[in-house]
Amino acid sequence: MRDIIAWAALLFSGISLILSLRTKRRQDELMSRQIAAHDRDVQAALRANVIARVEKDDSWSGSGAQWRVVVENKGPADARHVELEFKSPQQLVPASELGRKLPLEVLPAGEHITLVASRTMGQPSKYEIMLRWRDSEERSVDRILVP
């Protein structure tokens, strides 16, 4: 009888050992994935985040509203070599304005530039805007917006 109890205890401890080793391996894999996801989130939080928006300024005292395109870096890092291109056949910002202000060598974090826009009747209400910049890791980032 004692032998049966000893063998049962040995079998039980062997099964417990195997299950605990499997659980530890799964925990290690999960921890590695969580660390990798955290590192990706930290890296993403340290990058430039450039956006563009079309604004209407009703406070202008002339014969109509003043339109502008605001290009802003909402990220915590500087954006370098910032370019803007309209994908629509008609441009909202005159070529002379684009040529004078862009490409921008550096758009610091939290800063923006304003481009004077020219909107007339018959132009589309939405424009595809291609933003291109280099982030702190010197990766090229392209973003298409339809503000």
Foldseek 3Di string as FASTA:
>chain_A
DVVVVVVVVVVVVVVVVVVVVVVVVVVVVVVVVVVVVVVVVVVVQQKWDKDKDKDWAPVDPDDDIWIKIKIATQGQAKWAQKAKDWPDPDDFADPVQRVVCPPDGIHGHGHMDITTTDDDPPDDPWIWMWIWTAIPVRDIDIDIDTD
